[in-house]
Amino acid sequence: MTSKKIFISIAGNIGSGKSSLTKKIAEQFDFVPYFESVDDNPYLQDFYGDMKRWSFNLQVYFLSHRFKTHKEILMNEKSVIQDRSIYEDVEIFARNLHKMGNMSDRDYANYRQLFAEMTYFLKPPDLLVYLKANTDTLVKQIQKRGRVFEKDIDVSYLELLNESYEEWISSYALSPILIIPSDNLDFVQHAPDYDFIIDMIKQKVGG
């Protein structure tokens, strides 16, 4: 895709296809993939059972994991692709939990301060790719992958997350951004859809 090292981050709501796109791009272009901690996450199942009790614990875990990943990405000499950026932790998920009343003012302020201190010296990605999908698409893809702890996710929660994504993306200015409306794309099974995404990414990174 490019002769120099490049750092691409795939952003998007739960079920938007981030992990699948990360995997396909990594395999085709020999990028080092960095995936979100899901199956080995010690808080995720508890969180979906009681968001108010476990929201702060979960977000601190994600922030710590993502910070460690981001540092490894910057030290890696090869091109890398990341499944969800560290910026989504604070601007989407923690913010949304606070708005819903599932994270206290004190915990939220503490979390935002921690995020600011940890990310101050981090170089942002060279390109942020946002997979934009409506809630019907998200629900369908969540059901298709069949994770037990996701089966009872409330549609209203996904809708609130989408609203937060739209607000965040409209003001994101840390790096170049590519917005991909993905409701009518099947980049896993339909090669032309995948090629369409790759062509847009190449235009953005100069490949």
C-alpha atoms as a PDB file:
ATOM      1  CA  MET A   1       0.000   0.000   0.000  1.00  0.00           C
ATOM      2  CA  THR A   2       2.895   2.346   0.747  1.00  0.00           C
ATOM      3  CA  SER A   3       6.682   2.126   0.910  1.00  0.00           C
ATOM      4  CA  LYS A   4       6.911   3.924   4.256  1.00  0.00           C
ATOM      5  CA  LYS A   5       5.539   2.868   7.625  1.00  0.00           C
ATOM      6  CA  ILE A   6       1.895   3.799   8.092  1.00  0.00           C
ATOM      7  CA  PHE A   7      -0.401   3.616  11.092  1.00  0.00           C
ATOM      8  CA  ILE A   8      -4.096   3.125  10.290  1.00  0.00           C
ATOM      9  CA  SER A   9      -6.790   2.937  12.962  1.00  0.00           C
ATOM     10  CA  ILE A  10     -10.247   1.501  12.235  1.00  0.00           C
ATOM     11  CA  ALA A  11     -12.998   3.229  14.235  1.00  0.00           C
ATOM     12  CA  GLY A  12     -16.645   2.294  14.582  1.00  0.00           C
ATOM     13  CA  ASN A  13     -19.495   1.141  16.760  1.00  0.00           C
ATOM     14  CA  ILE A  14     -19.955  -2.360  18.176  1.00  0.00           C
ATOM     15  CA  GLY A  15     -20.662  -4.691  15.245  1.00  0.00           C
ATOM     16  CA  SER A  16     -19.504  -2.290  12.524  1.00  0.00           C
ATOM     17  CA  GLY A  17     -16.923  -4.722  11.126  1.00  0.00           C
ATOM     18  CA  LYS A  18     -13.711  -3.201  12.494  1.00  0.00           C
ATOM     19  CA  SER A  19     -12.054  -6.498  13.393  1.00  0.00           C
ATOM     20  CA  SER A  20     -12.891  -8.099  10.041  1.00  0.00           C
ATOM     21  CA  LEU A  21     -11.511  -5.164   8.059  1.00  0.00           C
ATOM     22  CA  THR A  22      -8.411  -5.011  10.264  1.00  0.00           C
ATOM     23  CA  LYS A  23      -7.751  -8.714   9.651  1.00  0.00           C
ATOM     24  CA  LYS A  24      -8.226  -8.520   5.863  1.00  0.00           C
ATOM     25  CA  ILE A  25      -5.990  -5.479   5.423  1.00  0.00           C
ATOM     26  CA  ALA A  26      -3.287  -6.948   7.656  1.00  0.00           C
ATOM     27  CA  GLU A  27      -3.262 -10.185   5.671  1.00  0.00           C
ATOM     28  CA  GLN A  28      -3.215  -8.521   2.243  1.00  0.00           C
ATOM     29  CA  PHE A  29      -0.612  -5.834   2.911  1.00  0.00           C
ATOM     30  CA  ASP A  30       1.457  -7.538   5.618  1.00  0.00           C
ATOM     31  CA  PHE A  31       0.512  -4.931   8.218  1.00  0.00           C
ATOM     32  CA  VAL A  32       0.897  -5.839  11.881  1.00  0.00           C
ATOM     33  CA  PRO A  33      -2.648  -6.060  13.303  1.00  0.00           C
ATOM     34  CA  TYR A  34      -3.614  -4.905  16.784  1.00  0.00           C
ATOM     35  CA  PHE A  35      -7.016  -6.117  17.927  1.00  0.00           C
ATOM     36  CA  GLU A  36      -9.285  -4.898  20.685  1.00  0.00           C
ATOM     37  CA  SER A  37      -9.209  -6.945  23.897  1.00  0.00           C
ATOM     38  CA  VAL A  38     -12.601  -8.706  23.865  1.00  0.00           C
ATOM     39  CA  ASP A  39     -12.434 -12.465  24.434  1.00  0.00           C
ATOM     40  CA  ASP A  40      -9.761 -12.075  27.142  1.00  0.00           C
ATOM     41  CA  ASN A  41     -11.373  -9.035  28.778  1.00  0.00           C
ATOM     42  CA  PRO A  42     -12.006  -9.790  32.490  1.00  0.00           C
ATOM     43  CA  TYR A  43     -14.746  -7.146  32.846  1.00  0.00           C
ATOM     44  CA  LEU A  44     -16.814  -7.282  29.672  1.00  0.00           C
ATOM     45  CA  GLN A  45     -19.340  -9.944  30.651  1.00  0.00           C
ATOM     46  CA  ASP A  46     -19.874  -8.359  34.078  1.00  0.00           C
ATOM     47  CA  PHE A  47     -20.283  -4.957  32.432  1.00  0.00           C
ATOM     48  CA  TYR A  48     -23.121  -6.089  30.165  1.00  0.00           C
ATOM     49  CA  GLY A  49     -24.816  -7.595  33.213  1.00  0.00           C
ATOM     50  CA  ASP A  50     -24.523  -4.442  35.337  1.00  0.00           C
ATOM     51  CA  MET A  51     -23.209  -1.376  33.471  1.00  0.00           C
ATOM     52  CA  LYS A  52     -23.420   0.989  36.434  1.00  0.00           C
ATOM     53  CA  ARG A  53     -21.351  -1.251  38.697  1.00  0.00           C
ATOM     54  CA  TRP A  54     -18.624  -2.120  36.199  1.00  0.00           C
ATOM     55  CA  SER A  55     -18.414   0.859  33.813  1.00  0.00           C
ATOM     56  CA  PHE A  56     -15.407   2.545  35.447  1.00  0.00           C
ATOM     57  CA  ASN A  57     -13.501  -0.734  35.849  1.00  0.00           C
ATOM     58  CA  LEU A  58     -14.119  -1.657  32.221  1.00  0.00           C
ATOM     59  CA  GLN A  59     -13.107   1.729  30.842  1.00  0.00           C
ATOM     60  CA  VAL A  60      -9.893   1.843  32.871  1.00  0.00           C
ATOM     61  CA  TYR A  61      -9.035  -1.651  31.640  1.00  0.00           C
ATOM     62  CA  PHE A  62      -9.659  -0.655  28.002  1.00  0.00           C
ATOM     63  CA  LEU A  63      -7.666   2.554  28.427  1.00  0.00           C
ATOM     64  CA  SER A  64      -4.705   0.710  29.925  1.00  0.00           C
ATOM     65  CA  HIS A  65      -4.779  -1.968  27.210  1.00  0.00           C
ATOM     66  CA  ARG A  66      -5.163   0.588  24.409  1.00  0.00           C
ATOM     67  CA  PHE A  67      -2.370   2.793  25.794  1.00  0.00           C
ATOM     68  CA  LYS A  68       0.009  -0.183  25.890  1.00  0.00           C
ATOM     69  CA  THR A  69      -1.029  -1.107  22.338  1.00  0.00           C
ATOM     70  CA  HIS A  70      -0.573   2.445  21.059  1.00  0.00           C
ATOM     71  CA  LYS A  71       2.971   2.594  22.473  1.00  0.00           C
ATOM     72  CA  GLU A  72       3.821  -0.733  20.817  1.00  0.00           C
ATOM     73  CA  ILE A  73       2.412   0.564  17.525  1.00  0.00           C
ATOM     74  CA  LEU A  74       4.614   3.651  17.611  1.00  0.00           C
ATOM     75  CA  MET A  75       7.717   1.555  18.347  1.00  0.00           C
ATOM     76  CA  ASN A  76       6.951  -1.000  15.630  1.00  0.00           C
ATOM     77  CA  GLU A  77       8.989  -0.441  12.469  1.00  0.00           C
ATOM     78  CA  LYS A  78       6.406  -2.131  10.254  1.00  0.00           C
ATOM     79  CA  SER A  79       3.118  -0.684   9.049  1.00  0.00           C
ATOM     80  CA  VAL A  80       0.301  -1.352  11.492  1.00  0.00           C
ATOM     81  CA  ILE A  81      -3.477  -1.420  11.557  1.00  0.00           C
ATOM     82  CA  GLN A  82      -5.481  -1.076  14.761  1.00  0.00           C
ATOM     83  CA  ASP A  83      -8.953  -2.274  15.683  1.00  0.00           C
ATOM     84  CA  ARG A  84     -10.454   0.817  17.454  1.00  0.00           C
ATOM     85  CA  SER A  85      -8.452   3.866  18.539  1.00  0.00           C
ATOM     86  CA  ILE A  86      -7.678   4.991  22.073  1.00  0.00           C
ATOM     87  CA  TYR A  87      -9.628   8.204  21.424  1.00  0.00           C
ATOM     88  CA  GLU A  88     -12.915   6.307  21.159  1.00  0.00           C
ATOM     89  CA  ASP A  89     -12.566   5.142  24.760  1.00  0.00           C
ATOM     90  CA  VAL A  90     -13.065   8.615  26.180  1.00  0.00           C
ATOM     91  CA  GLU A  91     -15.049  10.365  23.442  1.00  0.00           C
ATOM     92  CA  ILE A  92     -17.549   7.575  22.816  1.00  0.00           C
ATOM     93  CA  PHE A  93     -17.804   4.927  25.501  1.00  0.00           C
ATOM     94  CA  ALA A  94     -16.907   6.687  28.756  1.00  0.00           C
ATOM     95  CA  ARG A  95     -18.759   9.808  27.671  1.00  0.00           C
ATOM     96  CA  ASN A  96     -21.833   7.787  26.806  1.00  0.00           C
ATOM     97  CA  LEU A  97     -21.801   5.853  30.074  1.00  0.00           C
ATOM     98  CA  HIS A  98     -21.641   9.148  31.952  1.00  0.00           C
ATOM     99  CA  LYS A  99     -24.550  10.573  29.946  1.00  0.00           C
ATOM    100  CA  MET A 100     -26.605   7.463  30.730  1.00  0.00           C
ATOM    101  CA  GLY A 101     -25.935   7.797  34.458  1.00  0.00           C
ATOM    102  CA  ASN A 102     -23.828   4.633  34.501  1.00  0.00           C
ATOM    103  CA  MET A 103     -20.628   6.465  35.463  1.00  0.00           C
ATOM    104  CA  SER A 104     -20.564   9.021  38.261  1.00  0.00           C
ATOM    105  CA  ASP A 105     -19.348  12.603  37.788  1.00  0.00           C
ATOM    106  CA  ARG A 106     -16.365  11.837  40.027  1.00  0.00           C
ATOM    107  CA  ASP A 107     -15.333   8.696  38.139  1.00  0.00           C
ATOM    108  CA  TYR A 108     -15.840  10.372  34.767  1.00  0.00           C
ATOM    109  CA  ALA A 109     -13.711  13.393  35.717  1.00  0.00           C
ATOM    110  CA  ASN A 110     -11.021  11.069  37.063  1.00  0.00           C
ATOM    111  CA  TYR A 111     -11.130   8.988  33.898  1.00  0.00           C
ATOM    112  CA  ARG A 112     -10.872  12.001  31.561  1.00  0.00           C
ATOM    113  CA  GLN A 113      -7.897  13.346  33.508  1.00  0.00           C
ATOM    114  CA  LEU A 114      -6.187   9.961  33.337  1.00  0.00           C
ATOM    115  CA  PHE A 115      -6.862   9.794  29.589  1.00  0.00           C
ATOM    116  CA  ALA A 116      -5.448  13.291  29.028  1.00  0.00           C
ATOM    117  CA  GLU A 117      -2.236  12.504  30.906  1.00  0.00           C
ATOM    118  CA  MET A 118      -1.733   9.168  29.148  1.00  0.00           C
ATOM    119  CA  THR A 119      -2.368  10.413  25.611  1.00  0.00           C
ATOM    120  CA  TYR A 120      -0.556  13.766  25.755  1.00  0.00           C
ATOM    121  CA  PHE A 121       2.630  12.404  24.188  1.00  0.00           C
ATOM    122  CA  LEU A 122       1.045   9.855  21.823  1.00  0.00           C
ATOM    123  CA  LYS A 123       1.307  10.376  18.076  1.00  0.00           C
ATOM    124  CA  PRO A 124      -2.131   9.917  16.473  1.00  0.00           C
ATOM    125  CA  PRO A 125      -2.670   7.502  13.557  1.00  0.00           C
ATOM    126  CA  ASP A 126      -1.732   8.534  10.031  1.00  0.00           C
ATOM    127  CA  LEU A 127      -5.302   7.741   8.980  1.00  0.00           C
ATOM    128  CA  LEU A 128      -8.511   7.127  10.904  1.00  0.00           C
ATOM    129  CA  VAL A 129     -11.052   5.010   8.995  1.00  0.00           C
ATOM    130  CA  TYR A 130     -14.586   5.296  10.389  1.00  0.00           C
ATOM    131  CA  LEU A 131     -17.000   2.490   9.510  1.00  0.00           C
ATOM    132  CA  LYS A 132     -20.394   4.173   9.705  1.00  0.00           C
ATOM    133  CA  ALA A 133     -23.378   1.832  10.134  1.00  0.00           C
ATOM    134  CA  ASN A 134     -26.975   2.238  11.291  1.00  0.00           C
ATOM    135  CA  THR A 135     -28.338   0.271  14.236  1.00  0.00           C
ATOM    136  CA  ASP A 136     -30.126  -2.313  12.059  1.00  0.00           C
ATOM    137  CA  THR A 137     -26.805  -3.230  10.466  1.00  0.00           C
ATOM    138  CA  LEU A 138     -25.058  -3.312  13.840  1.00  0.00           C
ATOM    139  CA  VAL A 139     -27.702  -5.574  15.419  1.00  0.00           C
ATOM    140  CA  LYS A 140     -27.602  -7.972  12.468  1.00  0.00           C
ATOM    141  CA  GLN A 141     -23.821  -8.276  12.587  1.00  0.00           C
ATOM    142  CA  ILE A 142     -23.731  -8.608  16.385  1.00  0.00           C
ATOM    143  CA  GLN A 143     -26.249 -11.452  16.202  1.00  0.00           C
ATOM    144  CA  LYS A 144     -24.328 -13.081  13.377  1.00  0.00           C
ATOM    145  CA  ARG A 145     -21.091 -13.355  15.349  1.00  0.00           C
ATOM    146  CA  GLY A 146     -22.949 -14.789  18.341  1.00  0.00           C
ATOM    147  CA  ARG A 147     -20.974 -13.601  21.351  1.00  0.00           C
ATOM    148  CA  VAL A 148     -22.921 -14.662  24.439  1.00  0.00           C
ATOM    149  CA  PHE A 149     -22.282 -11.481  26.424  1.00  0.00           C
ATOM    150  CA  GLU A 150     -23.528  -9.324  23.516  1.00  0.00           C
ATOM    151  CA  LYS A 151     -26.846 -11.065  22.940  1.00  0.00           C
ATOM    152  CA  ASP A 152     -28.809  -8.712  25.227  1.00  0.00           C
ATOM    153  CA  ILE A 153     -27.305  -5.393  24.088  1.00  0.00           C
ATOM    154  CA  ASP A 154     -30.090  -2.809  24.024  1.00  0.00           C
ATOM    155  CA  VAL A 155     -30.691  -1.180  20.633  1.00  0.00           C
ATOM    156  CA  SER A 156     -31.051   2.185  22.388  1.00  0.00           C
ATOM    157  CA  TYR A 157     -27.488   1.772  23.697  1.00  0.00           C
ATOM    158  CA  LEU A 158     -26.202   1.278  20.143  1.00  0.00           C
ATOM    159  CA  GLU A 159     -28.186   4.312  19.000  1.00  0.00           C
ATOM    160  CA  LEU A 160     -26.632   6.480  21.715  1.00  0.00           C
ATOM    161  CA  LEU A 161     -23.188   5.259  20.737  1.00  0.00           C
ATOM    162  CA  ASN A 162     -23.899   6.138  17.099  1.00  0.00           C
ATOM    163  CA  GLU A 163     -24.938   9.645  18.143  1.00  0.00           C
ATOM    164  CA  SER A 164     -21.682  10.031  20.067  1.00  0.00           C
ATOM    165  CA  TYR A 165     -19.711   8.779  17.071  1.00  0.00           C
ATOM    166  CA  GLU A 166     -21.334  11.357  14.803  1.00  0.00           C
ATOM    167  CA  GLU A 167     -20.519  14.174  17.237  1.00  0.00           C
ATOM    168  CA  TRP A 168     -16.938  12.998  17.647  1.00  0.00           C
ATOM    169  CA  ILE A 169     -16.243  12.425  13.947  1.00  0.00           C
ATOM    170  CA  SER A 170     -17.621  15.861  13.027  1.00  0.00           C
ATOM    171  CA  SER A 171     -14.936  17.535  15.156  1.00  0.00           C
ATOM    172  CA  TYR A 172     -12.062  15.015  14.886  1.00  0.00           C
ATOM    173  CA  ALA A 173      -8.908  16.813  13.734  1.00  0.00           C
ATOM    174  CA  LEU A 174      -5.974  14.755  15.017  1.00  0.00           C
ATOM    175  CA  SER A 175      -5.272  13.114  11.655  1.00  0.00           C
ATOM    176  CA  PRO A 176      -6.742  12.586   8.176  1.00  0.00           C
ATOM    177  CA  ILE A 177     -10.057  10.757   8.299  1.00  0.00           C
ATOM    178  CA  LEU A 178     -11.958   8.501   5.911  1.00  0.00           C
ATOM    179  CA  ILE A 179     -15.666   7.926   6.527  1.00  0.00           C
ATOM    180  CA  ILE A 180     -17.062   4.751   4.948  1.00  0.00           C
ATOM    181  CA  PRO A 181     -20.874   4.303   4.987  1.00  0.00           C
ATOM    182  CA  SER A 182     -20.955   0.518   5.324  1.00  0.00           C
ATOM    183  CA  ASP A 183     -24.661  -0.408   5.511  1.00  0.00           C
ATOM    184  CA  ASN A 184     -24.710  -1.587   1.905  1.00  0.00           C
ATOM    185  CA  LEU A 185     -21.202  -3.029   1.833  1.00  0.00           C
ATOM    186  CA  ASP A 186     -20.132  -6.600   2.501  1.00  0.00           C
ATOM    187  CA  PHE A 187     -16.356  -6.322   2.406  1.00  0.00           C
ATOM    188  CA  VAL A 188     -15.926  -9.796   3.921  1.00  0.00           C
ATOM    189  CA  GLN A 189     -17.848 -11.814   1.316  1.00  0.00           C
ATOM    190  CA  HIS A 190     -17.984  -9.427  -1.655  1.00  0.00           C
ATOM    191  CA  ALA A 191     -14.562  -8.655  -3.134  1.00  0.00           C
ATOM    192  CA  PRO A 192     -15.615  -5.500  -5.073  1.00  0.00           C
ATOM    193  CA  ASP A 193     -16.825  -3.900  -1.822  1.00  0.00           C
ATOM    194  CA  TYR A 194     -13.492  -4.632  -0.170  1.00  0.00           C
ATOM    195  CA  ASP A 195     -11.574  -3.322  -3.202  1.00  0.00           C
ATOM    196  CA  PHE A 196     -13.674  -0.141  -3.072  1.00  0.00           C
ATOM    197  CA  ILE A 197     -12.576   0.469   0.540  1.00  0.00           C
ATOM    198  CA  ILE A 198      -8.930  -0.274  -0.257  1.00  0.00           C
ATOM    199  CA  ASP A 199      -8.978   2.181  -3.178  1.00  0.00           C
ATOM    200  CA  MET A 200     -10.300   4.924  -0.896  1.00  0.00           C
ATOM    201  CA  ILE A 201      -7.653   4.186   1.732  1.00  0.00           C
ATOM    202  CA  LYS A 202      -4.882   4.245  -0.896  1.00  0.00           C
ATOM    203  CA  GLN A 203      -6.052   7.662  -2.088  1.00  0.00           C
ATOM    204  CA  LYS A 204      -5.845   8.957   1.473  1.00  0.00           C
ATOM    205  CA  VAL A 205      -2.380   7.589   2.230  1.00  0.00           C
ATOM    206  CA  GLY A 206      -0.935   8.294  -1.200  1.00  0.00           C
ATOM    207  CA  GLY A 207      -0.512   4.645  -2.173  1.00  0.00           C
END
